Amino acid sequence: MARYTGPRHKACRRARTPLCQSKKCPVERRPYPPGEHGRGRIRESDYQIQLREKQKLRYMYGVLERQFRRYYEEAERRPGITGDNLLQILESRLDNVVWRAGLAQTRAQARQLVNHGHFRVNGKKVDIPSYLVKKGDVITVKDRSRDLVVIQHAIDTLDRPVPEWLDVDHEQRRVMVRDLPSRDQIDTAVQEQLIVELYSK
């Protein structure tokens, strides 16, 4: 399973956003790019700004470049606005849905839980974090995993609202996808149009 294994806080500082979802991310104390000349970088080219937005979205969802490119090509084929389609595809990943539902504290933790086979989609075991859910899908926690400490802790300490496009029952450990999210329902702080411009060159 391919995933980014490099220094996470370095990526956060480069994007100037706490992508790691850690409460102790150093980007708050050092809001400038890493490296010897991090503080001295004042002028940025259009390409640099576009690339930063793309990398920010990649690190946020834990996707490598080749897979991200495939997502973009799929978003281009779908009818509608390419940037909105791209965000909708990324939000439809199973690991992201588990995190959005509050069954994991971070996307990285949700990815690990899915990869270890703790979830079922429509009654069938799915251990692929990049599995794309569809409207009407029902995600449940495996019977033997219902009392996992990490899942219960994530529910107890949930400090973000569950999105409207998900119907979540924490007691039953059940999530139903009401509909795929629209751009208004996605709170990801990214300018997707810059990513479209980057790939359109």
C-alpha atoms as a PDB file:
ATOM      1  CA  MET A   1       0.000   0.000   0.000  1.00  0.00           C
ATOM      2  CA  ALA A   2       1.629   3.210  -1.176  1.00  0.00           C
ATOM      3  CA  ARG A   3       1.499   6.219   1.099  1.00  0.00           C
ATOM      4  CA  TYR A   4       3.598   9.226   2.054  1.00  0.00           C
ATOM      5  CA  THR A   5       6.123   8.289   4.751  1.00  0.00           C
ATOM      6  CA  GLY A   6       8.235  11.441   4.828  1.00  0.00           C
ATOM      7  CA  PRO A   7       8.377  14.137   7.516  1.00  0.00           C
ATOM      8  CA  ARG A   8       4.765  15.255   8.037  1.00  0.00           C
ATOM      9  CA  HIS A   9       5.396  18.556   9.775  1.00  0.00           C
ATOM     10  CA  LYS A  10       7.768  19.594   7.004  1.00  0.00           C
ATOM     11  CA  ALA A  11       4.897  19.144   4.538  1.00  0.00           C
ATOM     12  CA  CYS A  12       2.616  21.154   6.843  1.00  0.00           C
ATOM     13  CA  ARG A  13       5.077  24.042   6.991  1.00  0.00           C
ATOM     14  CA  ARG A  14       5.553  23.997   3.237  1.00  0.00           C
ATOM     15  CA  ALA A  15       1.776  24.200   2.754  1.00  0.00           C
ATOM     16  CA  ARG A  16       1.461  26.648   5.686  1.00  0.00           C
ATOM     17  CA  THR A  17      -1.487  24.618   6.973  1.00  0.00           C
ATOM     18  CA  PRO A  18      -1.666  21.883   9.679  1.00  0.00           C
ATOM     19  CA  LEU A  19      -2.242  18.981   7.269  1.00  0.00           C
ATOM     20  CA  CYS A  20      -1.260  16.329   9.822  1.00  0.00           C
ATOM     21  CA  GLN A  21      -4.323  17.146  11.999  1.00  0.00           C
ATOM     22  CA  SER A  22      -2.064  17.127  15.047  1.00  0.00           C
ATOM     23  CA  LYS A  23      -2.786  19.549  17.885  1.00  0.00           C
ATOM     24  CA  LYS A  24       0.954  20.121  18.294  1.00  0.00           C
ATOM     25  CA  CYS A  25       1.752  20.946  14.670  1.00  0.00           C
ATOM     26  CA  PRO A  26       4.708  23.405  14.542  1.00  0.00           C
ATOM     27  CA  VAL A  27       3.132  25.379  11.681  1.00  0.00           C
ATOM     28  CA  GLU A  28       1.462  27.566  14.324  1.00  0.00           C
ATOM     29  CA  ARG A  29       4.847  28.554  15.795  1.00  0.00           C
ATOM     30  CA  ARG A  30       6.745  28.671  12.501  1.00  0.00           C
ATOM     31  CA  PRO A  31       4.327  29.742   9.733  1.00  0.00           C
ATOM     32  CA  TYR A  32       6.973  29.840   7.016  1.00  0.00           C
ATOM     33  CA  PRO A  33       8.444  27.190   4.672  1.00  0.00           C
ATOM     34  CA  PRO A  34      11.141  24.835   6.024  1.00  0.00           C
ATOM     35  CA  GLY A  35      14.768  25.118   5.101  1.00  0.00           C
ATOM     36  CA  GLU A  36      17.594  27.602   5.397  1.00  0.00           C
ATOM     37  CA  HIS A  37      15.893  30.173   3.168  1.00  0.00           C
ATOM     38  CA  GLY A  38      12.341  29.589   4.369  1.00  0.00           C
ATOM     39  CA  ARG A  39      11.886  33.021   5.892  1.00  0.00           C
ATOM     40  CA  GLY A  40      13.473  34.802   2.951  1.00  0.00           C
ATOM     41  CA  ARG A  41      11.012  33.591   0.322  1.00  0.00           C
ATOM     42  CA  ILE A  42       8.831  36.593  -0.402  1.00  0.00           C
ATOM     43  CA  ARG A  43       7.951  36.525  -4.102  1.00  0.00           C
ATOM     44  CA  GLU A  44       6.089  33.476  -5.365  1.00  0.00           C
ATOM     45  CA  SER A  45       5.420  32.555  -8.975  1.00  0.00           C
ATOM     46  CA  ASP A  46       1.969  31.489 -10.182  1.00  0.00           C
ATOM     47  CA  TYR A  47       3.312  27.984 -10.709  1.00  0.00           C
ATOM     48  CA  GLN A  48       4.564  27.814  -7.123  1.00  0.00           C
ATOM     49  CA  ILE A  49       1.168  28.862  -5.756  1.00  0.00           C
ATOM     50  CA  GLN A  50      -0.657  26.322  -7.934  1.00  0.00           C
ATOM     51  CA  LEU A  51       1.769  23.548  -7.012  1.00  0.00           C
ATOM     52  CA  ARG A  52       1.369  24.321  -3.304  1.00  0.00           C
ATOM     53  CA  GLU A  53      -2.417  23.965  -3.556  1.00  0.00           C
ATOM     54  CA  LYS A  54      -2.053  20.624  -5.318  1.00  0.00           C
ATOM     55  CA  GLN A  55       0.444  19.297  -2.775  1.00  0.00           C
ATOM     56  CA  LYS A  56      -1.722  20.558   0.080  1.00  0.00           C
ATOM     57  CA  LEU A  57      -4.712  18.560  -1.209  1.00  0.00           C
ATOM     58  CA  ARG A  58      -2.569  15.471  -1.805  1.00  0.00           C
ATOM     59  CA  TYR A  59      -1.085  15.448   1.693  1.00  0.00           C
ATOM     60  CA  MET A  60      -4.456  16.240   3.245  1.00  0.00           C
ATOM     61  CA  TYR A  61      -6.057  13.093   1.826  1.00  0.00           C
ATOM     62  CA  GLY A  62      -2.913  10.938   1.917  1.00  0.00           C
ATOM     63  CA  VAL A  63      -2.729  10.376  -1.849  1.00  0.00           C
ATOM     64  CA  LEU A  64       0.425   9.944  -3.930  1.00  0.00           C
ATOM     65  CA  GLU A  65       0.998  11.737  -7.230  1.00  0.00           C
ATOM     66  CA  ARG A  66       0.048   8.962  -9.669  1.00  0.00           C
ATOM     67  CA  GLN A  67      -3.226   8.213  -7.910  1.00  0.00           C
ATOM     68  CA  PHE A  68      -4.017  11.924  -7.599  1.00  0.00           C
ATOM     69  CA  ARG A  69      -3.475  12.311 -11.350  1.00  0.00           C
ATOM     70  CA  ARG A  70      -5.931   9.472 -11.979  1.00  0.00           C
ATOM     71  CA  TYR A  71      -8.482  11.175  -9.752  1.00  0.00           C
ATOM     72  CA  TYR A  72      -8.034  14.392 -11.743  1.00  0.00           C
ATOM     73  CA  GLU A  73      -8.511  12.578 -15.053  1.00  0.00           C
ATOM     74  CA  GLU A  74     -11.677  10.944 -13.697  1.00  0.00           C
ATOM     75  CA  ALA A  75     -12.934  14.357 -12.495  1.00  0.00           C
ATOM     76  CA  GLU A  76     -12.299  15.765 -15.985  1.00  0.00           C
ATOM     77  CA  ARG A  77     -14.380  13.008 -17.605  1.00  0.00           C
ATOM     78  CA  ARG A  78     -17.362  13.584 -15.322  1.00  0.00           C
ATOM     79  CA  PRO A  79     -19.938  16.237 -16.254  1.00  0.00           C
ATOM     80  CA  GLY A  80     -19.779  19.447 -14.254  1.00  0.00           C
ATOM     81  CA  ILE A  81     -16.957  21.540 -12.817  1.00  0.00           C
ATOM     82  CA  THR A  82     -13.657  19.629 -12.743  1.00  0.00           C
ATOM     83  CA  GLY A  83     -12.458  21.102  -9.430  1.00  0.00           C
ATOM     84  CA  ASP A  84     -15.725  20.270  -7.660  1.00  0.00           C
ATOM     85  CA  ASN A  85     -15.674  16.747  -9.115  1.00  0.00           C
ATOM     86  CA  LEU A  86     -12.112  16.235  -7.869  1.00  0.00           C
ATOM     87  CA  LEU A  87     -13.040  17.205  -4.308  1.00  0.00           C
ATOM     88  CA  GLN A  88     -16.134  15.001  -4.471  1.00  0.00           C
ATOM     89  CA  ILE A  89     -14.026  11.991  -5.511  1.00  0.00           C
ATOM     90  CA  LEU A  90     -11.544  12.586  -2.676  1.00  0.00           C
ATOM     91  CA  GLU A  91     -14.365  13.000  -0.142  1.00  0.00           C
ATOM     92  CA  SER A  92     -15.885   9.706  -1.344  1.00  0.00           C
ATOM     93  CA  ARG A  93     -12.841   7.679  -0.272  1.00  0.00           C
ATOM     94  CA  LEU A  94     -13.736   5.171   2.435  1.00  0.00           C
ATOM     95  CA  ASP A  95     -11.014   6.337   4.834  1.00  0.00           C
ATOM     96  CA  ASN A  96     -12.254   9.934   4.521  1.00  0.00           C
ATOM     97  CA  VAL A  97     -15.877   8.877   5.125  1.00  0.00           C
ATOM     98  CA  VAL A  98     -14.823   7.014   8.285  1.00  0.00           C
ATOM     99  CA  TRP A  99     -13.024  10.149   9.501  1.00  0.00           C
ATOM    100  CA  ARG A 100     -15.899  12.459   8.564  1.00  0.00           C
ATOM    101  CA  ALA A 101     -18.297  10.202  10.472  1.00  0.00           C
ATOM    102  CA  GLY A 102     -16.213  10.636  13.631  1.00  0.00           C
ATOM    103  CA  LEU A 103     -15.069   7.012  13.908  1.00  0.00           C
ATOM    104  CA  ALA A 104     -11.402   8.055  13.776  1.00  0.00           C
ATOM    105  CA  GLN A 105      -9.515  11.087  15.067  1.00  0.00           C
ATOM    106  CA  THR A 106      -7.485  11.694  11.909  1.00  0.00           C
ATOM    107  CA  ARG A 107      -7.559  10.586   8.288  1.00  0.00           C
ATOM    108  CA  ALA A 108      -4.329   8.639   8.884  1.00  0.00           C
ATOM    109  CA  GLN A 109      -5.960   6.718  11.734  1.00  0.00           C
ATOM    110  CA  ALA A 110      -9.052   6.075   9.596  1.00  0.00           C
ATOM    111  CA  ARG A 111      -6.814   4.752   6.828  1.00  0.00           C
ATOM    112  CA  GLN A 112      -5.162   2.314   9.232  1.00  0.00           C
ATOM    113  CA  LEU A 113      -8.489   1.116  10.642  1.00  0.00           C
ATOM    114  CA  VAL A 114      -9.851   0.471   7.156  1.00  0.00           C
ATOM    115  CA  ASN A 115      -6.653  -1.251   6.068  1.00  0.00           C
ATOM    116  CA  HIS A 116      -6.845  -3.582   9.076  1.00  0.00           C
ATOM    117  CA  GLY A 117     -10.299  -4.725   7.992  1.00  0.00           C
ATOM    118  CA  HIS A 118     -12.469  -3.215  10.735  1.00  0.00           C
ATOM    119  CA  PHE A 119     -15.195  -1.952   8.383  1.00  0.00           C
ATOM    120  CA  ARG A 120     -17.820  -3.423   6.083  1.00  0.00           C
ATOM    121  CA  VAL A 121     -19.553  -1.715   3.162  1.00  0.00           C
ATOM    122  CA  ASN A 122     -23.046  -3.065   2.477  1.00  0.00           C
ATOM    123  CA  GLY A 123     -22.208  -6.121   4.580  1.00  0.00           C
ATOM    124  CA  LYS A 124     -18.965  -6.961   2.743  1.00  0.00           C
ATOM    125  CA  LYS A 125     -15.506  -6.528   4.216  1.00  0.00           C
ATOM    126  CA  VAL A 126     -13.546  -3.726   2.528  1.00  0.00           C
ATOM    127  CA  ASP A 127      -9.927  -3.114   3.530  1.00  0.00           C
ATOM    128  CA  ILE A 128      -9.003  -0.679   0.748  1.00  0.00           C
ATOM    129  CA  PRO A 129      -8.802   2.938   2.021  1.00  0.00           C
ATOM    130  CA  SER A 130      -9.237   4.348  -1.506  1.00  0.00           C
ATOM    131  CA  TYR A 131     -12.530   2.492  -2.067  1.00  0.00           C
ATOM    132  CA  LEU A 132     -15.050   5.037  -3.396  1.00  0.00           C
ATOM    133  CA  VAL A 133     -18.427   4.918  -1.676  1.00  0.00           C
ATOM    134  CA  LYS A 134     -21.645   5.635  -3.559  1.00  0.00           C
ATOM    135  CA  LYS A 135     -25.005   7.109  -2.669  1.00  0.00           C
ATOM    136  CA  GLY A 136     -26.944   4.675  -0.486  1.00  0.00           C
ATOM    137  CA  ASP A 137     -23.907   2.713   0.746  1.00  0.00           C
ATOM    138  CA  VAL A 138     -23.978   1.623   4.380  1.00  0.00           C
ATOM    139  CA  ILE A 139     -20.685   1.426   6.286  1.00  0.00           C
ATOM    140  CA  THR A 140     -20.626  -0.560   9.520  1.00  0.00           C
ATOM    141  CA  VAL A 141     -17.958  -1.565  12.004  1.00  0.00           C
ATOM    142  CA  LYS A 142     -17.212  -5.285  12.108  1.00  0.00           C
ATOM    143  CA  ASP A 143     -18.880  -6.999  15.116  1.00  0.00           C
ATOM    144  CA  ARG A 144     -15.566  -7.950  16.708  1.00  0.00           C
ATOM    145  CA  SER A 145     -14.278  -4.374  16.322  1.00  0.00           C
ATOM    146  CA  ARG A 146     -17.277  -2.488  17.746  1.00  0.00           C
ATOM    147  CA  ASP A 147     -15.638  -2.009  21.141  1.00  0.00           C
ATOM    148  CA  LEU A 148     -12.216  -0.919  19.889  1.00  0.00           C
ATOM    149  CA  VAL A 149     -10.739   1.711  22.205  1.00  0.00           C
ATOM    150  CA  VAL A 150      -9.600   3.968  19.349  1.00  0.00           C
ATOM    151  CA  ILE A 151     -13.085   4.096  17.811  1.00  0.00           C
ATOM    152  CA  GLN A 152     -14.782   4.772  21.147  1.00  0.00           C
ATOM    153  CA  HIS A 153     -12.212   7.436  21.996  1.00  0.00           C
ATOM    154  CA  ALA A 154     -12.733   9.128  18.631  1.00  0.00           C
ATOM    155  CA  ILE A 155     -16.505   9.230  19.236  1.00  0.00           C
ATOM    156  CA  ASP A 156     -16.119  10.512  22.806  1.00  0.00           C
ATOM    157  CA  THR A 157     -13.740  13.310  21.805  1.00  0.00           C
ATOM    158  CA  LEU A 158     -15.477  14.286  18.549  1.00  0.00           C
ATOM    159  CA  ASP A 159     -15.084  18.062  18.213  1.00  0.00           C
ATOM    160  CA  ARG A 160     -16.330  18.646  14.656  1.00  0.00           C
ATOM    161  CA  PRO A 161     -19.807  18.446  13.110  1.00  0.00           C
ATOM    162  CA  VAL A 162     -20.769  15.399  11.072  1.00  0.00           C
ATOM    163  CA  PRO A 163     -21.508  16.528   7.473  1.00  0.00           C
ATOM    164  CA  GLU A 164     -25.089  16.598   6.210  1.00  0.00           C
ATOM    165  CA  TRP A 165     -24.421  14.076   3.449  1.00  0.00           C
ATOM    166  CA  LEU A 166     -23.757  11.352   6.030  1.00  0.00           C
ATOM    167  CA  ASP A 167     -26.305   9.740   8.349  1.00  0.00           C
ATOM    168  CA  VAL A 168     -24.330   8.517  11.384  1.00  0.00           C
ATOM    169  CA  ASP A 169     -25.464   6.321  14.284  1.00  0.00           C
ATOM    170  CA  HIS A 170     -22.541   6.133  16.718  1.00  0.00           C
ATOM    171  CA  GLU A 171     -24.320   3.692  19.032  1.00  0.00           C
ATOM    172  CA  GLN A 172     -24.807   1.161  16.241  1.00  0.00           C
ATOM    173  CA  ARG A 173     -21.458   2.068  14.624  1.00  0.00           C
ATOM    174  CA  ARG A 174     -23.310   2.644  11.358  1.00  0.00           C
ATOM    175  CA  VAL A 175     -22.860   5.251   8.617  1.00  0.00           C
ATOM    176  CA  MET A 176     -25.147   5.704   5.615  1.00  0.00           C
ATOM    177  CA  VAL A 177     -24.153   7.830   2.631  1.00  0.00           C
ATOM    178  CA  ARG A 178     -27.218   9.959   1.923  1.00  0.00           C
ATOM    179  CA  ASP A 179     -25.688  11.554  -1.143  1.00  0.00           C
ATOM    180  CA  LEU A 180     -22.309  12.497  -2.551  1.00  0.00           C
ATOM    181  CA  PRO A 181     -21.223  15.906  -1.211  1.00  0.00           C
ATOM    182  CA  SER A 182     -21.561  19.136  -3.149  1.00  0.00           C
ATOM    183  CA  ARG A 183     -18.843  21.803  -3.011  1.00  0.00           C
ATOM    184  CA  ASP A 184     -20.827  23.790  -0.437  1.00  0.00           C
ATOM    185  CA  GLN A 185     -20.765  20.792   1.924  1.00  0.00           C
ATOM    186  CA  ILE A 186     -16.984  20.307   1.701  1.00  0.00           C
ATOM    187  CA  ASP A 187     -15.088  22.457   4.196  1.00  0.00           C
ATOM    188  CA  THR A 188     -11.639  21.683   2.788  1.00  0.00           C
ATOM    189  CA  ALA A 189      -9.679  24.953   2.684  1.00  0.00           C
ATOM    190  CA  VAL A 190      -8.222  24.666  -0.793  1.00  0.00           C
ATOM    191  CA  GLN A 191      -8.546  26.595  -4.058  1.00  0.00           C
ATOM    192  CA  GLU A 192      -9.290  23.736  -6.433  1.00  0.00           C
ATOM    193  CA  GLN A 193      -9.334  26.042  -9.472  1.00  0.00           C
ATOM    194  CA  LEU A 194      -5.571  26.553  -9.085  1.00  0.00           C
ATOM    195  CA  ILE A 195      -5.082  22.780  -9.307  1.00  0.00           C
ATOM    196  CA  VAL A 196      -7.158  22.644 -12.507  1.00  0.00           C
ATOM    197  CA  GLU A 197      -5.025  25.461 -13.957  1.00  0.00           C
ATOM    198  CA  LEU A 198      -1.848  23.578 -13.029  1.00  0.00           C
ATOM    199  CA  TYR A 199      -2.920  20.374 -14.782  1.00  0.00           C
ATOM    200  CA  SER A 200      -4.307  22.296 -17.776  1.00  0.00           C
ATOM    201  CA  LYS A 201      -0.885  23.640 -18.751  1.00  0.00           C
END
